[in-house]
Protein backbone atom coordinates (compact mmCIF):
# COMPACT_ATOMS: atom_id res chain seq x y z
CA MET A 1 -15.82 113.03 207.32
CA SER A 2 -13.38 110.33 206.23
CA THR A 3 -10.42 112.18 207.73
CA GLU A 4 -12.28 112.54 211.04
CA LEU A 5 -13.07 108.81 211.03
CA ASP A 6 -9.42 107.95 210.37
CA THR A 7 -8.38 110.12 213.32
CA GLN A 8 -11.02 108.52 215.54
CA GLN A 9 -9.92 105.01 214.53
CA ARG A 10 -6.27 105.72 215.36
CA ALA A 11 -7.21 107.07 218.78
CA LEU A 12 -9.48 104.10 219.49
CA ARG A 13 -6.90 101.51 218.43
CA GLU A 14 -4.33 103.01 220.81
CA GLY A 15 -6.60 102.42 223.81
CA VAL A 16 -7.44 98.73 223.37
CA GLY A 17 -4.12 96.92 223.85
CA ASP A 18 -4.34 93.28 222.72
CA VAL A 19 -8.00 93.51 221.69
CA LEU A 20 -8.73 93.24 217.96
CA LEU A 21 -10.68 96.31 216.90
CA ASP A 22 -12.76 95.64 213.77
CA VAL A 23 -14.23 98.83 212.26
CA ARG A 24 -16.82 98.37 209.51
CA LEU A 25 -18.10 101.43 207.72
CA GLU A 26 -20.86 101.24 205.14
CA HIS A 27 -19.80 102.79 201.84
CA GLY A 28 -21.31 106.20 201.18
CA LEU A 29 -22.26 107.19 204.72
CA PRO A 30 -24.00 110.57 204.75
CA ALA A 31 -22.52 113.55 206.57
CA VAL A 32 -24.11 113.96 210.00
CA HIS A 33 -23.92 116.80 212.50
CA VAL A 34 -22.33 115.55 215.73
CA ASP A 35 -19.86 116.74 218.31
CA PRO A 36 -16.80 114.62 217.42
CA ILE A 37 -15.36 114.91 220.94
CA GLN A 38 -18.56 113.58 222.52
CA VAL A 39 -18.75 110.71 220.02
CA GLN A 40 -15.10 109.84 220.66
CA GLN A 41 -15.65 109.86 224.43
CA VAL A 42 -18.69 107.57 224.16
CA LEU A 43 -16.86 105.15 221.86
CA LEU A 44 -13.75 105.12 224.05
CA ASN A 45 -15.85 104.36 227.12
CA LEU A 46 -17.70 101.52 225.37
CA ILE A 47 -14.45 100.08 224.04
CA ARG A 48 -12.64 100.31 227.37
CA ASN A 49 -15.59 98.69 229.17
CA GLY A 50 -15.64 95.91 226.60
CA ALA A 51 -11.87 95.40 226.84
CA GLU A 52 -12.08 95.21 230.64
CA ALA A 53 -14.95 92.73 230.45
CA MET A 54 -12.86 90.49 228.17
CA ALA A 55 -9.72 90.57 230.33
CA GLY A 56 -8.32 87.07 230.58
CA GLY A 57 -10.34 85.86 227.59
CA GLN A 58 -8.88 84.36 224.46
CA ASP A 59 -10.91 85.79 221.56
CA LYS A 60 -10.84 89.49 222.41
CA ARG A 61 -12.62 91.37 219.65
CA ILE A 62 -14.61 94.58 219.51
CA GLU A 63 -16.59 95.44 216.41
CA ILE A 64 -17.75 98.92 215.52
CA ALA A 65 -20.19 99.06 212.62
CA CYS A 66 -21.70 102.16 211.04
CA ARG A 67 -24.58 102.08 208.58
CA THR A 68 -27.13 104.42 207.12
CA VAL A 69 -30.65 104.32 208.58
CA GLY A 70 -33.28 106.60 207.15
CA ASN A 71 -32.43 109.97 205.67
CA HIS A 72 -29.20 111.51 206.91
CA MET A 73 -28.98 109.27 209.97
CA VAL A 74 -26.17 106.89 210.82
CA GLU A 75 -26.41 104.00 213.26
CA VAL A 76 -23.26 103.09 215.20
CA CYS A 77 -23.15 99.65 216.84
CA VAL A 78 -20.43 98.54 219.23
CA ALA A 79 -20.19 94.85 220.17
CA ASP A 80 -17.57 92.79 221.99
CA SER A 81 -16.88 89.07 222.06
CA GLY A 82 -17.04 88.90 225.87
């Protein structure tokens, strides 16, 4: 899973330009069954929308945080400073 996350992070960072992308992953995240392409598409859309909403702003930051919730579930939160 770590290799997949590294690949996802590189792809996401390439699409945000001058926006600081802060990725926070809880240690020991469980393996989850997802379609990595669908997750990447959702994250890219959220990040691009956030970057567009912050255009012209000064503190352009997007945070992606992943944490364990319950048994074998992971919550992914995406927030921007706009």
